[in-house]
N, C-alpha and C. Protein backbone atom coordinates (compact mmCIF):
# COMPACT_ATOMS: atom_id res chain seq x y z
N UNK A 1 72.98 16.85 120.00
CA UNK A 1 73.08 18.21 119.72
C UNK A 1 74.60 18.51 119.29
N UNK A 2 74.66 19.71 119.02
CA UNK A 2 76.20 20.23 118.43
C UNK A 2 76.09 21.55 118.38
N UNK A 3 77.53 21.78 118.32
CA UNK A 3 78.09 23.16 119.20
C UNK A 3 79.04 23.88 118.15
N UNK A 4 78.99 24.43 117.43
CA UNK A 4 80.23 24.97 116.28
C UNK A 4 80.26 26.78 116.84
N UNK A 5 81.63 26.66 117.62
CA UNK A 5 81.99 28.19 117.87
C UNK A 5 82.93 28.93 116.62
N UNK A 6 82.45 29.86 115.99
CA UNK A 6 83.01 30.51 114.87
C UNK A 6 83.68 31.67 115.17
N UNK A 7 83.19 32.19 116.66
CA UNK A 7 84.06 33.52 117.11
C UNK A 7 83.91 33.43 118.23
N UNK A 8 84.79 33.55 119.25
CA UNK A 8 85.97 34.22 118.74
C UNK A 8 86.94 32.82 118.30
N UNK A 9 87.95 33.41 117.60
CA UNK A 9 88.57 32.24 117.03
C UNK A 9 89.85 31.95 117.93
N UNK A 10 90.45 30.79 117.99
CA UNK A 10 91.29 30.37 118.68
C UNK A 10 92.67 31.21 119.21
N UNK A 11 93.14 31.74 120.08
CA UNK A 11 94.06 32.63 120.61
C UNK A 11 93.68 34.25 120.48
N UNK A 12 92.38 34.49 119.75
CA UNK A 12 92.00 35.87 119.62
C UNK A 12 92.23 36.98 121.03
N UNK A 13 92.48 37.93 120.67
CA UNK A 13 92.48 39.00 121.70
C UNK A 13 91.31 39.71 122.16
N UNK A 14 90.60 39.33 123.24
CA UNK A 14 89.35 39.75 123.41
C UNK A 14 89.46 40.84 124.21
N UNK A 15 88.17 41.65 124.08
CA UNK A 15 87.92 43.16 125.25
C UNK A 15 87.32 43.04 126.23
N UNK A 16 86.72 43.83 126.86
CA UNK A 16 85.84 43.94 127.84
C UNK A 16 84.33 43.71 127.41
N UNK A 17 83.92 43.33 126.18
CA UNK A 17 82.70 42.58 125.57
C UNK A 17 83.56 41.37 125.27
N UNK A 18 83.11 40.13 125.08
CA UNK A 18 83.41 39.09 124.44
C UNK A 18 82.25 38.55 123.48
N UNK A 19 82.44 38.80 122.34
CA UNK A 19 81.56 38.69 121.03
C UNK A 19 81.28 37.11 120.91
N UNK A 20 80.23 36.05 121.00
CA UNK A 20 80.49 34.71 120.84
C UNK A 20 79.17 34.43 119.82
N UNK A 21 79.92 33.69 118.75
CA UNK A 21 78.88 33.40 117.71
C UNK A 21 79.42 32.06 117.45
N UNK A 22 78.31 31.62 116.74
CA UNK A 22 78.60 29.80 116.01
C UNK A 22 76.89 29.79 115.39
N UNK A 23 77.54 28.33 115.45
CA UNK A 23 75.60 27.47 115.36
C UNK A 23 75.73 26.50 116.31
N UNK A 24 74.30 25.93 116.50
CA UNK A 24 74.34 25.22 117.50
C UNK A 24 73.03 24.94 117.44
N UNK A 25 72.60 23.62 117.68
CA UNK A 25 71.40 22.99 117.89
C UNK A 25 71.21 21.38 117.63
N UNK A 26 70.22 20.85 116.85
CA UNK A 26 70.13 19.04 116.86
C UNK A 26 69.00 18.48 117.89
N UNK A 27 68.18 19.97 118.50
CA UNK A 27 66.84 19.41 119.17
C UNK A 27 66.17 20.67 118.61
N UNK A 28 64.67 20.61 119.19
CA UNK A 28 64.12 21.77 118.82
C UNK A 28 64.55 22.98 119.20
N UNK A 29 64.48 23.49 120.29
CA UNK A 29 65.44 24.78 120.72
C UNK A 29 65.75 23.97 122.18
N UNK A 30 67.02 24.56 122.46
CA UNK A 30 67.71 24.27 123.78
C UNK A 30 68.46 25.73 124.12
N UNK A 31 68.49 25.22 125.57
CA UNK A 31 69.31 26.20 126.45
C UNK A 31 70.75 25.91 126.04
N UNK A 32 71.72 27.09 125.89
CA UNK A 32 72.81 26.94 126.02
C UNK A 32 73.46 27.41 127.06
N UNK A 33 74.70 27.80 127.36
CA UNK A 33 75.32 28.60 128.68
C UNK A 33 76.93 29.04 127.75
N UNK A 34 77.30 30.15 127.66
CA UNK A 34 78.72 30.32 127.71
C UNK A 34 79.39 30.59 128.92
N UNK A 35 80.69 30.38 128.85
CA UNK A 35 81.34 30.92 130.01
C UNK A 35 82.74 31.28 129.58
N UNK A 36 82.84 32.51 130.31
CA UNK A 36 84.35 33.01 129.91
C UNK A 36 85.16 32.52 131.36
N UNK A 37 86.51 32.51 131.60
CA UNK A 37 87.17 31.88 132.56
C UNK A 37 88.73 31.56 132.40
N UNK A 38 88.87 32.44 133.57
CA UNK A 38 90.56 31.92 133.52
C UNK A 38 91.07 31.13 134.78
N UNK A 39 90.25 30.52 134.95
CA UNK A 39 90.31 29.15 136.15
C UNK A 39 90.00 29.92 137.43
N UNK A 40 90.22 31.40 137.45
CA UNK A 40 90.28 31.91 138.77
C UNK A 40 88.73 32.68 138.73
N UNK A 41 88.19 33.33 137.71
CA UNK A 41 86.95 33.54 138.09
C UNK A 41 86.24 33.79 136.82
N UNK A 42 84.91 33.89 136.66
CA UNK A 42 84.08 33.54 135.54
C UNK A 42 83.09 33.98 135.30
N UNK A 43 82.39 34.55 134.23
CA UNK A 43 81.35 35.08 134.21
C UNK A 43 80.52 34.28 132.97
N UNK A 44 79.28 33.98 133.19
CA UNK A 44 78.47 32.89 132.05
C UNK A 44 76.98 33.75 132.13
N UNK A 45 76.68 33.23 130.57
CA UNK A 45 75.43 33.82 130.03
C UNK A 45 74.87 32.66 129.43
N UNK A 46 73.23 32.45 129.80
CA UNK A 46 72.44 31.30 129.03
C UNK A 46 72.21 32.00 127.90
N UNK A 47 71.93 31.28 126.67
CA UNK A 47 71.27 31.71 125.34
C UNK A 47 70.58 30.75 124.84
N UNK A 48 69.54 31.07 123.93
CA UNK A 48 68.95 29.61 123.28
C UNK A 48 69.51 29.72 121.49
N UNK A 49 69.10 28.52 121.03
CA UNK A 49 69.92 28.06 119.87
C UNK A 49 69.05 27.08 119.31
N UNK A 50 68.66 27.00 118.13
CA UNK A 50 67.88 25.47 117.30
C UNK A 50 66.88 26.36 116.45
N UNK A 51 66.24 25.87 115.77
CA UNK A 51 65.61 26.34 114.47
C UNK A 51 63.92 26.32 114.74
N UNK A 52 63.80 25.19 116.00
CA UNK A 52 62.29 25.34 116.46
C UNK A 52 61.75 23.56 115.79
N UNK A 53 62.71 23.27 114.87
CA UNK A 53 61.99 21.58 114.28
C UNK A 53 63.22 20.53 114.26
N UNK A 54 64.23 21.15 114.80
CA UNK A 54 65.58 19.93 115.23
C UNK A 54 66.42 20.56 114.56
N UNK A 55 66.54 21.43 113.91
CA UNK A 55 68.05 21.60 112.78
C UNK A 55 68.98 22.67 113.79
N UNK A 56 69.72 23.36 113.15
CA UNK A 56 70.50 24.14 113.64
C UNK A 56 70.79 25.44 113.30
N UNK A 57 70.48 26.42 114.46
CA UNK A 57 70.39 27.79 114.12
C UNK A 57 71.78 28.74 114.47
N UNK A 58 71.94 29.64 114.06
CA UNK A 58 72.70 30.49 114.63
C UNK A 58 72.60 31.26 115.72
N UNK A 59 73.87 31.53 116.25
CA UNK A 59 73.81 32.37 117.57
C UNK A 59 74.49 33.41 117.95
N UNK A 60 74.52 34.44 118.56
CA UNK A 60 75.59 35.35 118.95
C UNK A 60 75.51 36.31 120.11
N UNK A 61 76.11 35.96 121.01
CA UNK A 61 76.02 36.57 122.51
C UNK A 61 77.08 37.63 122.53
N UNK A 62 76.93 38.31 123.51
CA UNK A 62 77.85 39.32 123.73
C UNK A 62 77.68 38.85 125.29
N UNK A 63 79.10 38.85 125.87
CA UNK A 63 79.24 38.73 127.06
C UNK A 63 80.17 39.58 127.81
N UNK A 64 79.84 40.22 128.60
CA UNK A 64 80.46 41.55 129.06
C UNK A 64 81.09 41.05 130.37
N UNK A 65 82.41 41.49 130.70
CA UNK A 65 83.38 40.85 131.29
C UNK A 65 84.07 41.87 132.07
N UNK A 66 83.28 42.94 131.64
CA UNK A 66 83.95 44.00 132.32
C UNK A 66 83.99 43.92 134.15
N UNK A 67 83.08 43.53 134.38
CA UNK A 67 83.20 43.11 136.14
C UNK A 67 83.66 41.97 136.61
N UNK A 68 84.47 41.40 135.68
CA UNK A 68 85.16 40.18 136.02
C UNK A 68 86.43 40.61 137.23
N UNK A 69 86.80 39.60 137.90
CA UNK A 69 88.17 39.71 138.79
C UNK A 69 88.92 38.48 138.49
N UNK A 70 89.17 39.00 136.90
CA UNK A 70 90.19 37.86 136.24
C UNK A 70 91.67 38.75 136.51
N UNK A 71 92.47 37.41 136.71
CA UNK A 71 93.83 37.59 137.46
C UNK A 71 95.08 37.22 136.28
N UNK A 72 94.58 36.72 135.11
CA UNK A 72 95.31 36.28 134.17
C UNK A 72 94.51 36.57 132.92
N UNK A 73 95.85 36.99 132.30
CA UNK A 73 95.66 37.19 130.83
C UNK A 73 94.85 36.12 129.86
N UNK A 74 95.72 34.46 129.88
CA UNK A 74 94.84 33.47 129.30
C UNK A 74 93.64 32.69 129.92
N UNK A 75 92.67 33.38 128.88
CA UNK A 75 91.36 32.70 129.43
C UNK A 75 90.86 31.66 128.69
N UNK A 76 89.48 31.34 128.72
CA UNK A 76 89.19 30.07 128.05
C UNK A 76 87.20 31.00 127.52
N UNK A 77 86.73 30.46 126.37
CA UNK A 77 85.41 30.72 126.19
C UNK A 77 84.98 29.40 125.97
N UNK A 78 83.95 29.26 126.71
CA UNK A 78 83.25 27.57 127.01
C UNK A 78 81.56 27.64 126.57
N UNK A 79 81.36 26.95 125.57
CA UNK A 79 79.98 26.99 125.29
C UNK A 79 79.44 25.14 125.47
N UNK A 80 78.34 24.92 125.86
CA UNK A 80 77.79 24.15 126.06
C UNK A 80 76.32 24.15 126.63
N UNK A 81 75.85 22.72 126.70
CA UNK A 81 74.29 22.66 127.18
C UNK A 81 74.67 21.87 128.37
N UNK A 82 73.13 21.90 129.06
CA UNK A 82 73.43 21.09 130.64
C UNK A 82 72.36 20.04 130.19
N UNK A 83 72.67 18.55 130.72
CA UNK A 83 72.27 17.32 131.05
C UNK A 83 70.52 17.90 131.84
N UNK A 84 69.78 17.20 131.01
CA UNK A 84 68.41 17.43 131.73
C UNK A 84 68.21 16.59 133.01
N UNK A 85 69.08 15.60 132.73
CA UNK A 85 69.21 14.46 133.90
C UNK A 85 69.83 14.29 135.07
N UNK A 86 71.30 15.07 134.89
CA UNK A 86 71.63 15.17 136.23
C UNK A 86 72.79 16.78 135.80
N UNK A 87 72.59 17.59 135.05
CA UNK A 87 73.16 18.63 135.06
C UNK A 87 74.73 18.58 134.32
N UNK A 88 74.91 17.89 133.89
CA UNK A 88 76.33 17.63 133.43
C UNK A 88 76.39 18.33 132.37
N UNK A 89 77.81 19.07 132.04
CA UNK A 89 78.07 19.91 130.69
C UNK A 89 78.29 18.89 129.63
N UNK A 90 77.32 19.07 128.25
CA UNK A 90 77.42 18.60 127.04
C UNK A 90 77.77 19.11 126.11
N UNK A 91 79.00 18.27 125.26
CA UNK A 91 78.88 18.94 124.18
C UNK A 91 79.74 20.10 124.03
N UNK A 92 80.42 20.45 125.08
CA UNK A 92 81.10 21.75 125.50
C UNK A 92 82.41 22.01 124.66
N UNK A 93 82.45 22.85 124.15
CA UNK A 93 83.12 23.48 123.17
C UNK A 93 84.25 24.22 123.56
N UNK A 94 85.58 24.27 123.85
CA UNK A 94 86.24 25.41 124.56
C UNK A 94 87.21 26.22 123.44
N UNK A 95 87.52 27.26 123.61
CA UNK A 95 88.20 28.36 123.10
C UNK A 95 89.13 29.05 123.58
N UNK A 96 90.74 28.61 123.52
CA UNK A 96 91.70 29.84 124.30
C UNK A 96 91.59 31.13 123.79
N UNK A 97 91.27 31.71 124.53
CA UNK A 97 91.92 33.39 124.47
C UNK A 97 92.39 34.27 125.02
N UNK A 98 92.98 35.27 124.77
CA UNK A 98 93.82 36.38 125.59
C UNK A 98 93.08 37.72 125.75
N UNK A 99 92.76 37.78 127.17
CA UNK A 99 92.40 38.88 127.67
C UNK A 99 93.34 39.97 127.59
N UNK A 100 92.70 40.90 126.26
CA UNK A 100 93.21 42.22 126.16
C UNK A 100 93.60 43.28 127.59
N UNK A 101 92.32 43.53 128.43
CA UNK A 101 92.90 44.11 129.18
C UNK A 101 93.57 43.66 130.68
N UNK A 102 94.06 42.08 130.58
CA UNK A 102 94.89 41.95 131.32
C UNK A 102 96.32 41.97 130.91
N UNK A 103 96.51 42.39 129.64
CA UNK A 103 97.93 42.43 129.12
C UNK A 103 98.31 44.27 128.75
N UNK A 104 97.30 44.94 128.38
CA UNK A 104 97.11 46.09 128.49
C UNK A 104 96.20 46.90 129.29
N UNK A 105 96.51 47.77 130.36
CA UNK A 105 95.22 48.58 131.13
C UNK A 105 94.42 49.53 129.92
N UNK A 106 93.19 48.88 129.69
CA UNK A 106 92.53 49.51 129.11
C UNK A 106 92.38 49.86 127.54
N UNK A 107 92.53 48.29 127.45
CA UNK A 107 92.63 47.69 125.97
C UNK A 107 91.68 47.98 125.07
N UNK A 108 92.04 48.34 123.97
CA UNK A 108 90.60 48.76 123.06
C UNK A 108 91.03 47.94 121.84
N UNK A 109 92.25 47.68 120.95
CA UNK A 109 92.31 47.20 119.96
C UNK A 109 94.08 46.54 119.62
N UNK A 110 94.59 45.74 118.70
CA UNK A 110 95.84 45.57 118.45
C UNK A 110 96.12 45.91 117.05
N UNK A 111 97.38 46.28 116.87
CA UNK A 111 98.18 46.76 115.96
C UNK A 111 99.00 44.90 115.17
N UNK A 112 98.88 45.02 113.94
CA UNK A 112 100.11 44.22 113.55
C UNK A 112 101.13 44.62 113.26
N UNK A 113 102.37 44.04 113.60
CA UNK A 113 103.58 44.23 113.20
C UNK A 113 104.45 43.28 112.40
N UNK A 114 105.07 43.77 111.23
CA UNK A 114 106.05 42.59 110.82
C UNK A 114 107.37 42.83 111.19
N UNK A 115 107.57 41.62 111.64
CA UNK A 115 108.99 41.39 112.11
C UNK A 115 109.96 41.64 110.87
N UNK A 116 111.39 42.33 111.18
CA UNK A 116 112.06 42.54 110.12
C UNK A 116 113.38 42.17 110.79
N UNK A 117 114.53 41.67 110.00
CA UNK A 117 115.60 40.94 110.35
C UNK A 117 116.41 41.73 111.01
N UNK A 118 116.76 41.56 112.52
CA UNK A 118 117.73 42.00 113.04
C UNK A 118 116.86 42.74 114.40
N UNK A 119 115.12 42.71 113.91
CA UNK A 119 114.42 43.04 115.54
C UNK A 119 114.28 41.93 116.63
N UNK A 120 114.06 42.62 117.33
CA UNK A 120 113.98 41.77 119.11
C UNK A 120 112.49 42.17 119.38
N UNK A 121 111.90 41.68 120.23
CA UNK A 121 110.59 41.90 120.92
C UNK A 121 110.94 43.23 121.98
N UNK A 122 112.18 43.24 122.51
CA UNK A 122 112.59 44.69 123.28
C UNK A 122 112.61 45.88 122.76
N UNK A 123 113.00 45.75 121.39
CA UNK A 123 113.03 46.86 120.63
C UNK A 123 111.73 47.22 120.02
N UNK A 124 110.71 46.19 119.35
CA UNK A 124 109.33 46.31 119.18
C UNK A 124 108.73 47.06 120.19
N UNK A 125 109.05 46.62 121.78
CA UNK A 125 108.20 46.95 122.59
C UNK A 125 108.77 48.38 122.93
N UNK A 126 110.04 48.42 122.50
CA UNK A 126 110.42 50.22 123.09
C UNK A 126 109.67 50.80 122.04
N UNK A 127 109.43 50.40 120.92
CA UNK A 127 108.91 51.46 119.64
C UNK A 127 107.63 51.51 120.09
N UNK A 128 106.74 50.49 120.34
CA UNK A 128 105.40 50.67 120.44
C UNK A 128 104.71 51.28 122.28
N UNK A 129 105.60 50.69 123.03
CA UNK A 129 105.26 50.99 124.68
C UNK A 129 106.51 52.40 125.13
N UNK A 130 107.36 52.63 124.27
CA UNK A 130 108.15 53.22 125.21
C UNK A 130 109.16 52.46 126.20
N UNK A 131 108.94 51.44 126.22
CA UNK A 131 109.66 50.74 127.39
C UNK A 131 110.11 48.94 126.86
N UNK A 132 111.13 48.88 126.71
CA UNK A 132 111.37 47.36 126.22
C UNK A 132 111.15 46.40 126.74
N UNK A 133 111.33 46.57 127.98
CA UNK A 133 110.73 46.04 129.34
C UNK A 133 109.45 45.48 129.24
N UNK A 134 108.65 46.26 128.29
CA UNK A 134 107.39 45.45 128.13
C UNK A 134 107.19 44.12 127.21
N UNK A 135 108.28 43.59 126.84
CA UNK A 135 108.23 42.66 125.62
C UNK A 135 107.11 41.56 126.15
N UNK A 136 106.97 41.28 127.39
CA UNK A 136 106.22 40.62 127.74
C UNK A 136 104.78 40.50 127.69
N UNK A 137 104.00 41.85 127.07
CA UNK A 137 103.24 42.10 126.66
C UNK A 137 102.67 41.37 125.08
N UNK A 138 104.04 41.64 124.43
CA UNK A 138 103.83 40.77 122.91
C UNK A 138 104.13 39.30 123.28
N UNK A 139 104.75 38.78 124.24
CA UNK A 139 104.74 37.38 124.23
C UNK A 139 103.28 36.84 124.77
N UNK A 140 102.73 37.46 125.55
CA UNK A 140 101.39 36.75 126.35
C UNK A 140 100.21 37.17 124.93
N UNK A 141 100.39 38.21 124.18
CA UNK A 141 99.24 38.51 122.93
C UNK A 141 99.28 37.46 122.01
N UNK A 142 100.93 37.37 121.77
CA UNK A 142 101.33 36.41 120.65
C UNK A 142 101.58 34.81 121.49
N UNK A 143 100.44 33.72 121.65
CA UNK A 143 100.51 32.47 122.28
C UNK A 143 101.80 31.53 121.33
N UNK A 144 101.77 31.91 119.97
CA UNK A 144 102.75 31.19 119.45
C UNK A 144 104.06 31.16 119.34
N UNK A 145 104.26 32.26 120.70
CA UNK A 145 105.86 32.81 120.67
C UNK A 145 106.18 31.52 121.76
N UNK A 146 106.84 30.73 121.55
CA UNK A 146 107.46 29.93 122.64
C UNK A 146 108.61 30.02 123.59
N UNK A 147 109.30 31.13 122.44
CA UNK A 147 110.62 31.39 123.36
C UNK A 147 111.03 33.09 122.82
N UNK A 148 110.88 33.84 123.98
CA UNK A 148 111.11 34.96 123.67
C UNK A 148 112.17 35.59 123.06
N UNK A 149 113.23 34.76 122.40
CA UNK A 149 114.34 35.15 121.84
C UNK A 149 114.68 34.81 120.45
N UNK A 150 113.33 34.19 120.14
CA UNK A 150 113.21 33.50 118.72
C UNK A 150 112.20 34.44 117.86
N UNK A 151 112.39 35.31 116.98
CA UNK A 151 111.28 35.97 116.49
C UNK A 151 111.94 35.64 114.81
N UNK A 152 111.19 35.52 113.78
CA UNK A 152 111.85 35.36 112.67
C UNK A 152 111.18 37.16 111.61
N UNK A 153 111.85 37.27 111.06
CA UNK A 153 111.86 38.06 110.00
C UNK A 153 110.42 37.60 109.19
N UNK A 154 109.35 38.46 108.91
CA UNK A 154 108.10 38.01 108.31
C UNK A 154 107.19 37.57 109.05
N UNK A 155 107.33 37.58 110.58
CA UNK A 155 106.41 36.89 111.49
C UNK A 155 105.36 38.02 111.46
N UNK A 156 103.94 38.10 111.75
CA UNK A 156 103.05 38.99 112.09
C UNK A 156 102.98 39.00 113.86
N UNK A 157 103.27 39.98 114.11
CA UNK A 157 102.89 40.06 115.88
C UNK A 157 102.07 40.89 115.99
N UNK A 158 100.68 40.75 116.89
CA UNK A 158 99.81 41.27 117.42
C UNK A 158 100.22 42.16 118.63
N UNK A 159 100.29 43.75 118.70
CA UNK A 159 100.30 44.78 119.75
C UNK A 159 99.29 45.30 120.08
N UNK A 160 99.08 44.66 121.31
CA UNK A 160 97.84 45.40 121.82
C UNK A 160 97.98 46.52 122.06
N UNK A 161 96.85 47.63 122.62
CA UNK A 161 97.23 48.93 122.82
C UNK A 161 95.82 49.57 123.51
N UNK A 162 95.99 50.74 123.65
CA UNK A 162 94.54 51.37 124.41
C UNK A 162 94.79 52.72 124.02
N UNK A 163 93.78 52.87 123.84
CA UNK A 163 93.51 54.55 122.97
C UNK A 163 93.44 55.49 124.43
């Protein structure tokens, strides 16, 4: 059996409901599990996938994580099926994501900001959040930033927001 998770993508910012979609199968019909975890807390949900004759079928699952006690902004979406023999997790696919609600309380969406010459994360945070000290939100929402002192003109940054 195989699993291909097409949504969310690696490092997507997700909200209170995580939409997980893709294809799975290789058996008549199989039971799968999607788990959203920050390593401390987790939310799991079961679903069925397959085409009834051993092929692959599409799946789309909405996972409500609003009641979870997540304490970290970085999380993983895991999709797998369990072994009928011993219950072990098989064919597990792991997609790292950012929990928007841990970055900005009441997270709804993000804007894209194109960095111009001379800009700093502090200045960008000052512009969008009214406080440059909130630049850490930008670092968390953009995992490819490895050094907060180094951004480049043309970089496209995601700016999480709440409405």
